[in-house]
Amino acid sequence: MSATELLYQSGFGNEFATEAVPGALPQGQNAPQKSALGLYTEQLSGTAFTAPRSTNRRTWTYRIRPSVTHKPFSEVGSGQLRSGPFTELPTPPNQMRWNPVPMPAKSTDFVQGLVTLGGSGDPSLQIGVGLHVYAANASMKDRYFYNADGEMLIVPQQGNLRIATELGILGVGPGEIAIIPRGIKIRVDLDGPSRGYICENYGLPFRLPDLGPIGANGLANPRDFLTPVAAYENREGDFRILGKFLGRLWEAEIDHSPLDVVAWHGNYAPSKYDLARYNCINSVSFDHPDPSIYTVLTSPSLLPGTANVDFAIFPPRWLVAEHTFRPPWFHRNMMNEFMGLVFGEYDAKAEGFLPGGASLHNCMSGHGPDAETFERASSAELKPVKLDNTLAFMFETGLPVRPTKFALETKILQHEYFECWQGLRKHFKDPNQSTVNKQSTKIAKKDQKK
């Protein structure tokens, strides 16, 4: 099945029902004594059984073999993949920025190409995030991967991904995102060198933010999220399952493809979303709104109004605010901001922030437009301007992001990042200073006469 032939179901968090073979789904119950077509019944639960109906996530699968049919796991090397708690090195309060991770010279698949820049919390406590980039040039061959530590929000920056999952196939490229729920097995195929970002969410599953005074419509519309239809692999051979569990990678032998679900129904499923469909809400009078207005998805924490992690984007949009400094203002924040750039230029940074690169501004670390952007925006003619050909994003989390040893010592760390603000000049004309200067001049003249 090619990318152009992939079929999807519409909606976010819907109750879906799909079968790759007619008659594979039971009617009127979940677990008949004997499933149709000789399939096994298996439930996949993404929340506790007793979670409220509005947040309960589970899917019933009807598969060729149950998931338990593999040999024992053994630990394997994790490469540059890390998990919370992130304690390799002390975390400085400095603003940080990284160039893109280089493409690998040797054959590297999606899992082998994972590099962790930092994170917060602890997957065993189901709070916090892991923030990763990937750079790969080879498809996963006879290898499958699942993440028991958290769901994965994948943001491709270069190259298209064909993500075969237990519940169907996603085709995702730059300008789109994929959401892979915790525990769902995948195989990632590439069409060439590929790079991107991953937010590994240890906390509550991502959901659409409430709209409040915005009303019933706006931001990301549920109908624009796409979930795959059932598609199974009936393959036997020498395969490997890689599992991420409690921060380590484990591998098990299996004699068949684990992507063997012939039919399924439920609301715990992978999905994709085209960020070009995001409906921006912006100021049409004055002042720059808080960046929370650009939230696509949110993972709530136990503290009301404070996210475990938000996913916000800064896509093409019109700027029309009057008598307003239009780029993001200078800011210190209780939240912690990890940013990436998919394509184009970010409007708060004139240079140095490259597609595929990343930046980190932790709790109460000052940040904002660089000197060149500030000077230009302070004197610009305030006519309507279309910010076009750009797509930046932010993973904003309530816990400080602790960079990994790799992130603090790698050659792609921009040690000169702080210099972009050093050219900010003093513009203040102190009326009291002129009075002080006049008094000093009078005193100096008196002293001369003496």
Protein backbone atom coordinates (compact mmCIF):
# COMPACT_ATOMS: atom_id res chain seq x y z
CA MET A 1 0.00 0.00 0.00
CA SER A 2 1.60 3.28 -1.11
CA ALA A 3 1.30 6.59 0.76
CA THR A 4 -1.27 7.78 -1.77
CA GLU A 5 -3.40 4.68 -1.09
CA LEU A 6 -3.48 5.03 2.68
CA LEU A 7 -6.97 5.33 4.09
CA TYR A 8 -7.98 7.11 7.27
CA GLN A 9 -10.88 7.69 9.63
CA SER A 10 -11.67 11.25 10.72
CA GLY A 11 -11.80 12.58 14.27
CA PHE A 12 -9.86 12.92 17.53
CA GLY A 13 -10.50 10.45 20.35
CA ASN A 14 -13.48 8.96 18.51
CA GLU A 15 -14.92 5.49 18.96
CA PHE A 16 -13.64 3.92 15.75
CA ALA A 17 -14.48 0.52 14.25
CA THR A 18 -12.51 -0.91 11.33
CA GLU A 19 -11.80 -4.31 9.81
CA ALA A 20 -9.35 -5.27 7.07
CA VAL A 21 -11.33 -8.46 6.37
CA PRO A 22 -15.14 -8.35 6.35
CA GLY A 23 -16.66 -10.17 9.30
CA ALA A 24 -13.58 -9.93 11.52
CA LEU A 25 -15.25 -7.58 14.02
CA PRO A 26 -17.70 -9.23 16.46
CA GLN A 27 -21.12 -7.64 16.72
CA GLY A 28 -22.86 -6.84 19.99
CA GLN A 29 -19.99 -7.87 22.28
CA ASN A 30 -16.22 -7.52 22.69
CA ALA A 31 -15.03 -11.03 23.52
CA PRO A 32 -17.03 -13.88 21.97
CA GLN A 33 -16.17 -17.42 22.98
CA LYS A 34 -14.67 -17.92 19.54
CA SER A 35 -13.66 -14.91 17.46
CA ALA A 36 -14.44 -14.90 13.78
CA LEU A 37 -11.78 -16.14 11.33
CA GLY A 38 -9.86 -17.86 14.15
CA LEU A 39 -8.54 -14.55 15.53
CA TYR A 40 -7.50 -13.84 19.11
CA THR A 41 -9.26 -11.15 21.17
CA GLU A 42 -6.98 -8.73 23.04
CA GLN A 43 -7.79 -5.44 24.77
CA LEU A 44 -5.27 -2.57 24.79
CA SER A 45 -5.90 -0.14 27.66
CA GLY A 46 -4.34 3.33 27.63
CA THR A 47 -5.89 4.36 30.96
CA ALA A 48 -6.98 2.61 34.13
CA PHE A 49 -10.20 0.60 33.83
CA THR A 50 -11.93 3.01 36.19
CA ALA A 51 -10.90 6.28 34.50
CA PRO A 52 -13.92 8.53 33.85
CA ARG A 53 -15.77 7.77 30.63
CA SER A 54 -14.71 11.13 29.14
CA THR A 55 -11.01 10.29 29.52
CA ASN A 56 -11.07 6.48 29.36
CA ARG A 57 -8.99 5.11 26.50
CA ARG A 58 -9.06 1.51 25.32
CA THR A 59 -9.20 -0.49 22.10
CA TRP A 60 -10.29 -4.06 21.41
CA THR A 61 -8.11 -5.83 18.84
CA TYR A 62 -8.71 -9.02 16.88
CA ARG A 63 -5.34 -10.38 15.87
CA ILE A 64 -3.67 -13.42 14.33
CA ARG A 65 -1.67 -14.12 17.52
CA PRO A 66 -1.83 -12.45 20.96
CA SER A 67 0.96 -10.02 21.93
CA VAL A 68 2.37 -12.38 24.53
CA THR A 69 3.86 -14.75 21.93
CA HIS A 70 7.49 -13.62 22.00
CA LYS A 71 10.63 -14.77 23.78
CA PRO A 72 11.96 -13.00 26.95
CA PHE A 73 13.40 -9.50 26.67
CA SER A 74 17.08 -8.74 27.21
CA GLU A 75 18.54 -5.26 27.66
CA VAL A 76 20.33 -3.74 24.68
CA GLY A 77 22.33 -0.55 24.27
CA SER A 78 20.33 2.68 24.18
CA GLY A 79 22.80 4.76 22.16
CA GLN A 80 22.03 8.46 22.77
CA LEU A 81 18.49 7.74 23.99
CA ARG A 82 17.89 8.84 27.59
CA SER A 83 14.97 9.00 30.02
CA GLY A 84 14.02 10.74 33.23
CA PRO A 85 15.14 11.37 35.83
CA PHE A 86 17.72 13.40 33.89
CA THR A 87 20.67 13.70 36.26
CA GLU A 88 23.77 13.16 34.11
CA LEU A 89 25.04 16.73 34.65
CA PRO A 90 23.91 19.82 36.60
CA THR A 91 21.41 21.93 34.66
CA PRO A 92 22.59 25.53 34.06
CA PRO A 93 19.99 28.33 33.80
CA ASN A 94 21.51 29.51 30.51
CA GLN A 95 19.53 29.96 27.34
CA MET A 96 20.62 27.23 24.93
CA ARG A 97 20.37 26.60 21.21
CA TRP A 98 21.50 23.72 19.02
CA ASN A 99 22.19 23.31 15.31
CA PRO A 100 20.49 20.38 13.55
CA VAL A 101 21.78 16.92 14.36
CA PRO A 102 23.89 15.78 11.36
CA MET A 103 22.64 12.96 9.19
CA PRO A 104 24.41 9.70 10.07
CA ALA A 105 27.18 8.42 7.84
CA LYS A 106 26.30 4.75 8.29
CA SER A 107 22.98 2.93 7.96
CA THR A 108 20.75 4.13 10.83
CA ASP A 109 17.06 3.42 11.32
CA PHE A 110 14.49 5.45 13.26
CA VAL A 111 15.21 3.93 16.69
CA GLN A 112 18.97 3.92 16.20
CA GLY A 113 18.78 7.59 15.20
CA LEU A 114 17.10 8.80 18.39
CA VAL A 115 19.09 11.43 20.31
CA THR A 116 17.82 12.88 23.59
CA LEU A 117 18.47 16.58 24.23
CA GLY A 118 16.77 16.68 27.63
CA GLY A 119 13.62 16.20 29.61
CA SER A 120 11.93 16.31 32.98
CA GLY A 121 10.13 14.12 35.45
CA ASP A 122 10.21 10.34 35.56
CA PRO A 123 8.35 7.80 33.42
CA SER A 124 7.82 5.57 36.46
CA LEU A 125 5.86 8.42 38.08
CA GLN A 126 4.01 9.19 34.82
CA ILE A 127 4.95 12.86 34.89
CA GLY A 128 7.27 14.91 32.70
CA VAL A 129 8.63 14.54 29.18
CA GLY A 130 11.57 13.30 27.17
CA LEU A 131 12.64 15.64 24.35
CA HIS A 132 14.36 13.93 21.44
CA VAL A 133 15.48 14.49 17.87
CA TYR A 134 15.99 11.79 15.29
CA ALA A 135 18.26 11.57 12.26
CA ALA A 136 17.95 8.39 10.19
CA ASN A 137 18.64 7.14 6.67
CA ALA A 138 17.36 3.55 6.69
CA SER A 139 14.01 1.85 7.17
CA MET A 140 13.47 -0.50 10.10
CA LYS A 141 14.06 -3.98 8.74
CA ASP A 142 12.46 -6.88 10.61
CA ARG A 143 12.48 -4.67 13.74
CA TYR A 144 9.51 -3.27 15.62
CA PHE A 145 9.37 -0.75 18.45
CA TYR A 146 7.03 0.20 21.26
CA ASN A 147 7.33 2.73 24.08
CA ALA A 148 5.91 1.74 27.48
CA ASP A 149 7.19 4.97 29.08
CA GLY A 150 5.02 7.45 27.20
CA GLU A 151 3.16 8.43 24.07
CA MET A 152 5.20 9.94 21.25
CA LEU A 153 4.38 13.14 19.40
CA ILE A 154 6.50 13.01 16.23
CA VAL A 155 7.24 16.21 14.27
CA PRO A 156 9.06 15.43 10.99
CA GLN A 157 11.37 18.17 9.69
CA GLN A 158 12.92 16.40 6.70
CA GLY A 159 11.83 13.26 4.87
CA ASN A 160 8.59 11.30 4.89
CA LEU A 161 7.81 8.58 7.42
CA ARG A 162 5.63 5.58 6.72
CA ILE A 163 4.68 4.40 10.20
CA ALA A 164 3.17 0.93 10.16
CA THR A 165 1.35 0.38 13.47
CA GLU A 166 -0.65 -2.43 15.01
CA LEU A 167 -3.82 -0.51 14.13
CA GLY A 168 -2.95 0.64 10.62
CA ILE A 169 -0.51 2.74 8.61
CA LEU A 170 0.28 6.46 8.88
CA GLY A 171 2.05 8.47 6.19
CA VAL A 172 3.58 11.58 7.77
CA GLY A 173 5.88 14.26 6.37
CA PRO A 174 7.16 17.76 7.22
CA GLY A 175 4.28 20.03 8.17
CA GLU A 176 2.40 17.13 9.77
CA ILE A 177 2.57 15.37 13.14
CA ALA A 178 1.96 11.81 14.27
CA ILE A 179 0.74 10.73 17.70
CA ILE A 180 1.69 7.19 18.74
CA PRO A 181 -0.02 6.17 22.00
CA ARG A 182 1.95 4.50 24.76
CA GLY A 183 2.59 0.82 24.08
CA ILE A 184 1.51 0.58 20.44
CA LYS A 185 4.03 -1.27 18.29
CA ILE A 186 5.36 0.41 15.14
CA ARG A 187 7.79 -0.02 12.26
CA VAL A 188 9.10 3.13 10.56
CA ASP A 189 10.04 3.11 6.87
CA LEU A 190 11.78 6.08 5.20
CA ASP A 191 11.86 7.45 1.66
CA GLY A 192 15.30 8.98 2.22
CA PRO A 193 17.34 10.80 4.88
CA SER A 194 14.94 11.91 7.58
CA ARG A 195 15.13 14.20 10.59
CA GLY A 196 12.65 15.50 13.12
CA TYR A 197 11.62 15.97 16.73
CA ILE A 198 9.83 13.82 19.30
CA CYS A 199 8.07 14.79 22.50
CA GLU A 200 7.79 11.68 24.67
CA ASN A 201 4.92 12.43 27.02
CA TYR A 202 5.15 10.54 30.32
CA GLY A 203 1.96 12.13 31.65
CA LEU A 204 -1.73 12.14 30.77
CA PRO A 205 -2.43 11.54 27.07
CA PHE A 206 -2.53 14.52 24.75
CA ARG A 207 -5.97 16.02 24.23
CA LEU A 208 -7.40 19.05 22.46
CA PRO A 209 -7.35 22.16 24.66
CA ASP A 210 -10.60 23.68 25.87
CA LEU A 211 -11.65 26.71 23.84
CA GLY A 212 -13.21 28.86 26.60
CA PRO A 213 -14.23 32.31 25.33
CA ILE A 214 -13.09 31.41 21.81
CA GLY A 215 -16.29 29.41 21.51
CA ALA A 216 -17.09 26.16 19.75
CA ASN A 217 -14.62 26.44 16.85
CA GLY A 218 -11.00 27.33 16.22
CA LEU A 219 -7.45 26.11 16.76
CA ALA A 220 -7.19 22.41 15.81
CA ASN A 221 -10.51 20.97 14.66
CA PRO A 222 -11.18 17.35 15.70
CA ARG A 223 -12.31 16.29 12.22
CA ASP A 224 -8.87 17.09 10.79
CA PHE A 225 -7.14 14.40 12.85
CA LEU A 226 -6.83 11.17 10.89
CA THR A 227 -6.66 7.65 12.31
CA PRO A 228 -5.68 4.69 10.11
CA VAL A 229 -7.98 1.88 9.07
CA ALA A 230 -7.05 -1.67 9.99
CA ALA A 231 -4.12 -3.10 8.01
CA TYR A 232 -2.35 -6.28 9.09
CA GLU A 233 0.88 -8.16 8.31
CA ASN A 234 0.64 -11.96 8.11
CA ARG A 235 4.37 -12.60 8.04
CA GLU A 236 6.52 -15.22 9.70
CA GLY A 237 10.30 -15.10 10.12
CA ASP A 238 13.08 -13.95 12.41
CA PHE A 239 11.97 -10.60 13.85
CA ARG A 240 12.88 -8.45 16.85
CA ILE A 241 10.73 -6.32 19.13
CA LEU A 242 12.42 -3.33 20.79
CA GLY A 243 10.69 -2.02 23.88
CA LYS A 244 11.43 1.13 25.86
CA PHE A 245 10.59 0.44 29.50
CA LEU A 246 11.66 2.50 32.52
CA GLY A 247 14.21 4.38 30.47
CA ARG A 248 16.02 1.39 28.98
CA LEU A 249 15.80 -0.43 25.67
CA TRP A 250 14.92 -4.13 25.68
CA GLU A 251 14.85 -6.61 22.80
CA ALA A 252 12.93 -9.84 22.30
CA GLU A 253 12.84 -12.40 19.51
CA ILE A 254 9.53 -13.08 17.81
CA ASP A 255 8.78 -15.45 14.93
CA HIS A 256 6.08 -13.35 13.29
CA SER A 257 5.16 -9.73 12.69
CA PRO A 258 3.46 -8.19 15.75
CA LEU A 259 1.49 -5.91 13.40
CA ASP A 260 -1.12 -8.62 12.88
CA VAL A 261 -4.35 -6.90 13.96
CA VAL A 262 -7.03 -7.75 11.39
CA ALA A 263 -9.77 -5.66 13.01
CA TRP A 264 -10.21 -3.31 15.94
CA HIS A 265 -12.62 -0.93 17.63
CA GLY A 266 -12.10 1.68 20.33
CA ASN A 267 -10.65 5.12 21.01
CA TYR A 268 -7.00 4.33 21.82
CA ALA A 269 -5.28 4.63 18.45
CA PRO A 270 -2.51 6.44 16.55
CA SER A 271 -3.36 9.52 14.53
CA LYS A 272 -1.87 12.21 12.29
CA TYR A 273 -2.64 15.88 11.76
CA ASP A 274 -1.77 18.37 9.03
CA LEU A 275 -0.59 21.54 10.80
CA ALA A 276 -1.66 23.62 7.79
CA ARG A 277 -5.25 22.98 8.89
CA TYR A 278 -4.68 24.77 12.20
CA ASN A 279 -7.02 27.76 12.57
CA CYS A 280 -4.96 30.54 14.19
CA ILE A 281 -6.62 32.94 16.60
CA ASN A 282 -4.74 36.24 16.87
CA SER A 283 -5.09 39.87 17.95
CA VAL A 284 -6.98 42.14 15.53
CA SER A 285 -6.59 45.26 17.69
CA PHE A 286 -3.41 45.65 19.75
CA ASP A 287 -0.77 43.71 21.71
CA HIS A 288 0.72 40.30 21.14
CA PRO A 289 -1.37 37.48 22.71
CA ASP A 290 0.13 34.86 24.99
CA PRO A 291 1.64 31.96 22.99
CA SER A 292 -0.89 29.62 24.63
CA ILE A 293 -3.33 30.85 21.97
CA TYR A 294 -1.39 28.66 19.50
CA THR A 295 -1.83 25.39 21.43
CA VAL A 296 -2.59 22.36 19.25
CA LEU A 297 -2.54 19.66 21.94
CA THR A 298 -2.16 19.61 25.70
CA SER A 299 -1.30 17.03 28.34
CA PRO A 300 -2.77 18.31 31.62
CA SER A 301 -1.08 17.97 34.99
CA LEU A 302 -2.74 17.61 38.39
CA LEU A 303 -2.36 21.39 38.86
CA PRO A 304 -5.31 23.09 37.15
CA GLY A 305 -4.27 25.39 34.33
CA THR A 306 -0.68 24.11 34.25
CA ALA A 307 0.19 21.59 31.57
CA ASN A 308 2.50 18.64 31.92
CA VAL A 309 3.29 19.64 28.34
CA ASP A 310 1.64 21.77 25.65
CA PHE A 311 2.35 21.50 21.94
CA ALA A 312 2.05 24.93 20.30
CA ILE A 313 2.86 26.00 16.75
CA PHE A 314 3.75 29.28 15.04
CA PRO A 315 2.53 28.79 11.47
CA PRO A 316 1.93 31.23 8.61
CA ARG A 317 -0.46 33.95 9.81
CA TRP A 318 -1.38 37.61 9.44
CA LEU A 319 -0.05 40.26 11.83
CA VAL A 320 -2.36 43.27 12.01
CA ALA A 321 -2.07 44.61 15.57
CA GLU A 322 -1.87 48.41 15.77
CA HIS A 323 0.65 50.46 17.84
CA THR A 324 2.16 47.14 18.91
CA PHE A 325 5.56 45.49 19.06
CA ARG A 326 4.55 42.51 16.96
CA PRO A 327 7.22 39.83 17.55
CA PRO A 328 7.12 37.91 20.85
CA TRP A 329 7.98 40.21 23.72
CA PHE A 330 10.83 39.79 26.18
CA HIS A 331 9.75 37.30 28.76
CA ARG A 332 10.60 35.27 31.84
CA ASN A 333 8.35 32.32 32.41
CA MET A 334 7.34 29.86 35.10
CA MET A 335 7.00 27.31 32.30
CA ASN A 336 9.90 25.84 30.34
CA GLU A 337 10.13 26.23 26.57
CA PHE A 338 11.76 23.87 24.08
CA MET A 339 11.43 25.11 20.51
CA GLY A 340 12.08 23.64 17.07
CA LEU A 341 11.88 24.92 13.51
CA VAL A 342 10.44 22.81 10.70
CA PHE A 343 11.00 25.27 7.85
CA GLY A 344 11.49 28.97 7.14
CA GLU A 345 12.57 31.56 9.72
CA TYR A 346 11.23 32.18 13.21
CA ASP A 347 10.01 35.78 13.53
CA ALA A 348 11.76 36.42 16.86
CA LYS A 349 15.23 35.41 15.65
CA ALA A 350 16.84 37.07 12.63
CA GLU A 351 19.46 34.35 12.21
CA GLY A 352 21.02 31.33 13.88
CA PHE A 353 17.81 29.37 14.50
CA LEU A 354 18.00 26.74 11.76
CA PRO A 355 15.39 24.27 10.48
CA GLY A 356 16.07 21.07 12.38
CA GLY A 357 17.69 22.99 15.23
CA ALA A 358 16.30 23.57 18.72
CA SER A 359 16.39 26.02 21.61
CA LEU A 360 15.69 25.80 25.33
CA HIS A 361 14.61 28.58 27.67
CA ASN A 362 14.07 27.18 31.14
CA CYS A 363 12.12 28.51 34.11
CA MET A 364 12.75 32.24 34.73
CA SER A 365 15.52 32.48 32.12
CA GLY A 366 15.00 35.70 30.19
CA HIS A 367 14.42 35.39 26.45
CA GLY A 368 12.88 37.23 23.54
CA PRO A 369 13.75 38.72 20.16
CA ASP A 370 17.39 39.21 19.26
CA ALA A 371 18.86 42.69 18.85
CA GLU A 372 18.37 42.87 15.09
CA THR A 373 14.74 41.78 15.30
CA PHE A 374 14.02 44.24 18.10
CA GLU A 375 15.46 47.21 16.21
CA ARG A 376 13.65 46.28 13.01
CA ALA A 377 10.27 45.65 14.66
CA SER A 378 10.49 48.81 16.78
CA SER A 379 10.60 51.01 13.70
CA ALA A 380 8.59 48.97 11.20
CA GLU A 381 5.58 50.42 9.42
CA LEU A 382 2.57 48.80 11.10
CA LYS A 383 0.68 47.70 8.03
CA PRO A 384 -0.86 44.23 7.73
CA VAL A 385 1.95 41.69 7.21
CA LYS A 386 1.66 38.02 6.27
CA LEU A 387 4.18 35.79 8.01
CA ASP A 388 4.56 33.13 5.36
CA ASN A 389 6.71 30.08 4.59
CA THR A 390 7.46 29.42 8.24
CA LEU A 391 6.61 26.74 10.79
CA ALA A 392 8.07 26.77 14.28
CA PHE A 393 6.74 24.91 17.31
CA MET A 394 7.14 24.72 21.06
CA PHE A 395 6.96 21.95 23.64
CA GLU A 396 6.13 23.91 26.80
CA THR A 397 6.30 21.96 30.04
CA GLY A 398 5.64 22.75 33.69
CA LEU A 399 8.84 21.04 34.87
CA PRO A 400 12.36 22.37 34.16
CA VAL A 401 14.03 20.65 31.23
CA ARG A 402 17.35 19.09 32.21
CA PRO A 403 19.71 18.76 29.22
CA THR A 404 21.55 15.49 28.72
CA LYS A 405 25.32 15.16 28.80
CA PHE A 406 25.23 14.93 25.01
CA ALA A 407 23.24 18.17 24.73
CA LEU A 408 25.65 20.09 26.96
CA GLU A 409 28.84 18.80 25.36
CA THR A 410 27.95 18.28 21.69
CA LYS A 411 29.55 20.33 18.93
CA ILE A 412 26.12 21.37 17.68
CA LEU A 413 25.49 23.40 20.86
CA GLN A 414 25.74 27.10 19.96
CA HIS A 415 27.98 28.42 22.70
CA GLU A 416 27.67 31.92 21.25
CA TYR A 417 23.85 31.95 21.46
CA PHE A 418 23.88 34.56 24.26
CA GLU A 419 25.54 37.04 21.90
CA CYS A 420 22.32 37.59 19.94
CA TRP A 421 21.07 39.78 22.82
CA GLN A 422 24.32 41.61 23.59
CA GLY A 423 23.63 44.23 20.94
CA LEU A 424 20.49 45.46 22.68
CA ARG A 425 21.35 49.12 23.35
CA LYS A 426 20.14 51.41 26.10
CA HIS A 427 17.49 53.77 24.71
CA PHE A 428 16.33 55.27 28.00
CA LYS A 429 16.59 59.06 28.20
CA ASP A 430 16.69 59.75 31.92
CA PRO A 431 15.25 63.23 32.70
CA ASN A 432 16.76 63.06 36.16
CA GLN A 433 20.18 62.30 34.74
CA SER A 434 20.32 65.66 32.94
CA THR A 435 19.52 67.42 36.24
CA VAL A 436 22.27 65.49 37.96
CA ASN A 437 24.69 66.42 35.18
CA LYS A 438 23.80 70.16 35.50
CA GLN A 439 24.30 70.07 39.27
CA SER A 440 27.65 68.31 38.80
CA THR A 441 28.70 71.00 36.32
CA LYS A 442 27.81 73.82 38.78
CA ILE A 443 29.73 72.14 41.59
CA ALA A 444 32.73 71.68 39.31
CA LYS A 445 32.69 75.39 38.36
CA LYS A 446 32.50 76.46 42.02
CA ASP A 447 35.45 74.24 42.82
CA GLN A 448 37.41 75.82 39.97
CA LYS A 449 36.72 79.34 41.34
CA LYS A 450 37.94 78.28 44.75
